N, C-alpha and C. Protein backbone atom coordinates (compact mmCIF):
# COMPACT_ATOMS: atom_id res chain seq x y z
N MET A 1 8.03 28.29 -75.70
CA MET A 1 8.23 28.52 -77.11
C MET A 1 8.54 27.22 -77.85
N ALA A 2 9.40 26.43 -77.27
CA ALA A 2 9.79 25.18 -77.91
C ALA A 2 8.62 24.23 -78.03
N GLU A 3 7.71 24.27 -77.06
CA GLU A 3 6.57 23.37 -77.08
C GLU A 3 5.55 23.77 -78.16
N ALA A 4 5.47 25.02 -78.50
CA ALA A 4 4.51 25.49 -79.50
C ALA A 4 4.89 25.00 -80.90
N SER A 5 6.18 24.87 -81.17
CA SER A 5 6.62 24.44 -82.50
C SER A 5 6.98 22.96 -82.55
N LYS A 6 6.60 22.21 -81.50
CA LYS A 6 6.92 20.79 -81.42
C LYS A 6 6.13 20.01 -82.47
N LYS A 7 6.81 19.06 -83.14
CA LYS A 7 6.16 18.24 -84.15
C LYS A 7 5.26 17.20 -83.48
N GLN A 8 4.25 16.79 -84.22
CA GLN A 8 3.43 15.69 -83.75
C GLN A 8 4.23 14.40 -83.84
N ASN A 9 3.85 13.39 -83.06
CA ASN A 9 4.65 12.17 -83.11
C ASN A 9 4.45 11.45 -84.44
N ILE A 10 5.33 10.50 -84.72
CA ILE A 10 5.38 9.83 -86.02
C ILE A 10 4.10 9.07 -86.33
N PHE A 11 3.45 8.50 -85.32
CA PHE A 11 2.24 7.73 -85.56
C PHE A 11 1.08 8.63 -85.95
N VAL A 12 1.00 9.79 -85.37
CA VAL A 12 -0.06 10.75 -85.72
C VAL A 12 0.14 11.23 -87.15
N ARG A 13 1.39 11.54 -87.52
CA ARG A 13 1.67 11.99 -88.90
C ARG A 13 1.39 10.88 -89.90
N ALA A 14 1.80 9.64 -89.58
CA ALA A 14 1.56 8.53 -90.49
C ALA A 14 0.06 8.29 -90.65
N GLY A 15 -0.66 8.35 -89.55
CA GLY A 15 -2.12 8.18 -89.61
C GLY A 15 -2.78 9.23 -90.48
N ALA A 16 -2.31 10.45 -90.37
CA ALA A 16 -2.88 11.54 -91.19
C ALA A 16 -2.58 11.31 -92.67
N ARG A 17 -1.36 10.84 -92.96
CA ARG A 17 -1.02 10.58 -94.37
C ARG A 17 -1.84 9.43 -94.94
N ILE A 18 -2.03 8.38 -94.13
CA ILE A 18 -2.82 7.24 -94.59
C ILE A 18 -4.26 7.66 -94.82
N LYS A 19 -4.81 8.45 -93.92
CA LYS A 19 -6.18 8.93 -94.05
C LYS A 19 -6.33 9.78 -95.33
N LYS A 20 -5.34 10.64 -95.59
CA LYS A 20 -5.36 11.48 -96.78
C LYS A 20 -5.28 10.61 -98.04
N PHE A 21 -4.43 9.58 -98.00
CA PHE A 21 -4.27 8.69 -99.15
C PHE A 21 -5.60 8.03 -99.50
N PHE A 22 -6.30 7.48 -98.51
CA PHE A 22 -7.56 6.80 -98.77
C PHE A 22 -8.65 7.78 -99.21
N ARG A 23 -8.64 8.98 -98.69
CA ARG A 23 -9.61 9.99 -99.10
C ARG A 23 -9.39 10.34 -100.58
N GLU A 24 -8.13 10.53 -100.98
CA GLU A 24 -7.83 10.86 -102.37
C GLU A 24 -8.11 9.67 -103.29
N MET A 25 -7.83 8.45 -102.81
CA MET A 25 -8.09 7.27 -103.62
C MET A 25 -9.59 7.14 -103.88
N ARG A 26 -10.39 7.36 -102.86
CA ARG A 26 -11.84 7.28 -103.02
C ARG A 26 -12.33 8.31 -104.02
N SER A 27 -11.76 9.51 -103.96
CA SER A 27 -12.13 10.56 -104.89
C SER A 27 -11.78 10.18 -106.33
N GLU A 28 -10.60 9.59 -106.52
CA GLU A 28 -10.19 9.19 -107.87
C GLU A 28 -11.01 8.02 -108.39
N MET A 29 -11.40 7.10 -107.51
CA MET A 29 -12.19 5.95 -107.95
C MET A 29 -13.56 6.38 -108.46
N LYS A 30 -14.07 7.50 -108.00
CA LYS A 30 -15.35 8.01 -108.48
C LYS A 30 -15.23 8.48 -109.93
N LYS A 31 -14.02 8.81 -110.36
CA LYS A 31 -13.80 9.32 -111.72
C LYS A 31 -13.58 8.21 -112.74
N VAL A 32 -13.38 6.98 -112.28
CA VAL A 32 -13.07 5.87 -113.17
C VAL A 32 -14.28 5.53 -114.03
N VAL A 33 -14.02 5.32 -115.33
CA VAL A 33 -15.06 4.87 -116.24
C VAL A 33 -14.78 3.40 -116.52
N TRP A 34 -15.64 2.53 -116.02
CA TRP A 34 -15.43 1.10 -116.15
C TRP A 34 -15.89 0.64 -117.53
N PRO A 35 -15.17 -0.33 -118.15
CA PRO A 35 -15.56 -0.79 -119.49
C PRO A 35 -16.84 -1.63 -119.44
N THR A 36 -17.52 -1.64 -120.57
CA THR A 36 -18.70 -2.49 -120.68
C THR A 36 -18.25 -3.93 -120.85
N LYS A 37 -19.21 -4.86 -120.77
CA LYS A 37 -18.88 -6.28 -120.91
C LYS A 37 -18.29 -6.57 -122.29
N SER A 38 -18.85 -5.98 -123.33
CA SER A 38 -18.35 -6.23 -124.69
C SER A 38 -16.94 -5.65 -124.87
N GLN A 39 -16.67 -4.48 -124.29
CA GLN A 39 -15.32 -3.91 -124.36
C GLN A 39 -14.32 -4.79 -123.62
N LEU A 40 -14.74 -5.31 -122.48
CA LEU A 40 -13.87 -6.17 -121.70
C LEU A 40 -13.53 -7.44 -122.46
N ILE A 41 -14.53 -8.06 -123.08
CA ILE A 41 -14.30 -9.28 -123.86
C ILE A 41 -13.41 -8.98 -125.05
N ASN A 42 -13.67 -7.88 -125.74
CA ASN A 42 -12.87 -7.51 -126.91
C ASN A 42 -11.41 -7.26 -126.53
N ASN A 43 -11.19 -6.52 -125.46
CA ASN A 43 -9.82 -6.23 -125.02
C ASN A 43 -9.11 -7.49 -124.55
N THR A 44 -9.84 -8.40 -123.90
CA THR A 44 -9.24 -9.65 -123.45
C THR A 44 -8.80 -10.50 -124.64
N ILE A 45 -9.64 -10.56 -125.67
CA ILE A 45 -9.28 -11.32 -126.87
C ILE A 45 -8.04 -10.71 -127.53
N ILE A 46 -7.99 -9.40 -127.61
CA ILE A 46 -6.83 -8.73 -128.21
C ILE A 46 -5.56 -9.06 -127.43
N VAL A 47 -5.63 -9.02 -126.12
CA VAL A 47 -4.46 -9.32 -125.29
C VAL A 47 -4.03 -10.77 -125.50
N LEU A 48 -4.97 -11.69 -125.50
CA LEU A 48 -4.63 -13.11 -125.68
C LEU A 48 -4.00 -13.37 -127.04
N VAL A 49 -4.52 -12.73 -128.08
CA VAL A 49 -3.94 -12.89 -129.43
C VAL A 49 -2.52 -12.33 -129.47
N CYS A 50 -2.32 -11.16 -128.86
CA CYS A 50 -0.98 -10.56 -128.84
C CYS A 50 0.00 -11.44 -128.07
N VAL A 51 -0.44 -12.00 -126.95
CA VAL A 51 0.43 -12.90 -126.18
C VAL A 51 0.78 -14.13 -127.01
N LEU A 52 -0.20 -14.67 -127.72
CA LEU A 52 0.04 -15.85 -128.56
C LEU A 52 1.03 -15.53 -129.68
N VAL A 53 0.86 -14.39 -130.33
CA VAL A 53 1.76 -14.00 -131.43
C VAL A 53 3.19 -13.79 -130.91
N VAL A 54 3.33 -13.10 -129.81
CA VAL A 54 4.66 -12.88 -129.24
C VAL A 54 5.28 -14.20 -128.81
N GLY A 55 4.47 -15.09 -128.24
CA GLY A 55 4.97 -16.41 -127.85
C GLY A 55 5.47 -17.21 -129.04
N ILE A 56 4.75 -17.14 -130.15
CA ILE A 56 5.18 -17.85 -131.37
C ILE A 56 6.49 -17.26 -131.88
N PHE A 57 6.62 -15.94 -131.88
CA PHE A 57 7.88 -15.33 -132.31
C PHE A 57 9.04 -15.74 -131.42
N ILE A 58 8.82 -15.76 -130.12
CA ILE A 58 9.89 -16.16 -129.20
C ILE A 58 10.25 -17.63 -129.41
N TRP A 59 9.22 -18.48 -129.59
CA TRP A 59 9.48 -19.90 -129.84
C TRP A 59 10.28 -20.08 -131.13
N ALA A 60 9.92 -19.37 -132.19
CA ALA A 60 10.62 -19.48 -133.47
C ALA A 60 12.06 -19.00 -133.33
N PHE A 61 12.26 -17.87 -132.66
CA PHE A 61 13.62 -17.37 -132.47
C PHE A 61 14.45 -18.36 -131.67
N ASP A 62 13.85 -18.95 -130.64
CA ASP A 62 14.56 -19.93 -129.82
C ASP A 62 14.93 -21.16 -130.64
N ALA A 63 14.01 -21.63 -131.48
CA ALA A 63 14.29 -22.80 -132.31
C ALA A 63 15.42 -22.51 -133.30
N ILE A 64 15.39 -21.33 -133.92
CA ILE A 64 16.45 -20.95 -134.88
C ILE A 64 17.78 -20.80 -134.16
N ALA A 65 17.77 -20.16 -132.99
CA ALA A 65 19.00 -19.98 -132.23
C ALA A 65 19.55 -21.33 -131.80
N ASN A 66 18.68 -22.25 -131.43
CA ASN A 66 19.12 -23.59 -131.05
C ASN A 66 19.78 -24.30 -132.22
N LEU A 67 19.21 -24.18 -133.41
CA LEU A 67 19.82 -24.80 -134.60
C LEU A 67 21.19 -24.19 -134.89
N VAL A 68 21.30 -22.88 -134.76
CA VAL A 68 22.57 -22.20 -135.01
C VAL A 68 23.62 -22.68 -134.00
N VAL A 69 23.27 -22.72 -132.74
CA VAL A 69 24.21 -23.15 -131.70
C VAL A 69 24.62 -24.60 -131.92
N GLN A 70 23.65 -25.46 -132.22
CA GLN A 70 23.97 -26.87 -132.47
C GLN A 70 24.88 -27.01 -133.70
N GLY A 71 24.65 -26.19 -134.72
CA GLY A 71 25.51 -26.21 -135.90
C GLY A 71 26.92 -25.78 -135.57
N ILE A 72 27.07 -24.75 -134.77
CA ILE A 72 28.41 -24.29 -134.38
C ILE A 72 29.11 -25.36 -133.54
N ILE A 73 28.37 -25.98 -132.63
CA ILE A 73 28.97 -27.03 -131.80
C ILE A 73 29.41 -28.20 -132.66
N SER A 74 28.61 -28.59 -133.64
CA SER A 74 29.00 -29.72 -134.49
C SER A 74 30.20 -29.36 -135.36
N LEU A 75 30.32 -28.10 -135.77
CA LEU A 75 31.49 -27.68 -136.55
C LEU A 75 32.76 -27.72 -135.69
N VAL A 76 32.66 -27.30 -134.45
CA VAL A 76 33.82 -27.25 -133.57
C VAL A 76 34.25 -28.65 -133.17
N LYS A 77 33.28 -29.55 -132.93
CA LYS A 77 33.62 -30.92 -132.54
C LYS A 77 34.25 -31.70 -133.70
N GLY A 78 33.84 -31.39 -134.90
CA GLY A 78 34.44 -32.03 -136.06
C GLY A 78 33.75 -33.19 -136.52
């Protein structure tokens, strides 16, 4: 009785899970709609512009914060 309900060993279970994962991944990859070349270029340009804009805002905030900190330090030093 005990042998009938015995679990499979860990390697067999892990192998089955890995096999199932790759089977499901392959099934999902068939559903993917890949962008066209023009969509890819357009989206890349949008991302680069957004990164540039955010970088400029961070640089400006850093420069202003640096001026404020330097002003406070000069006030404290006298």
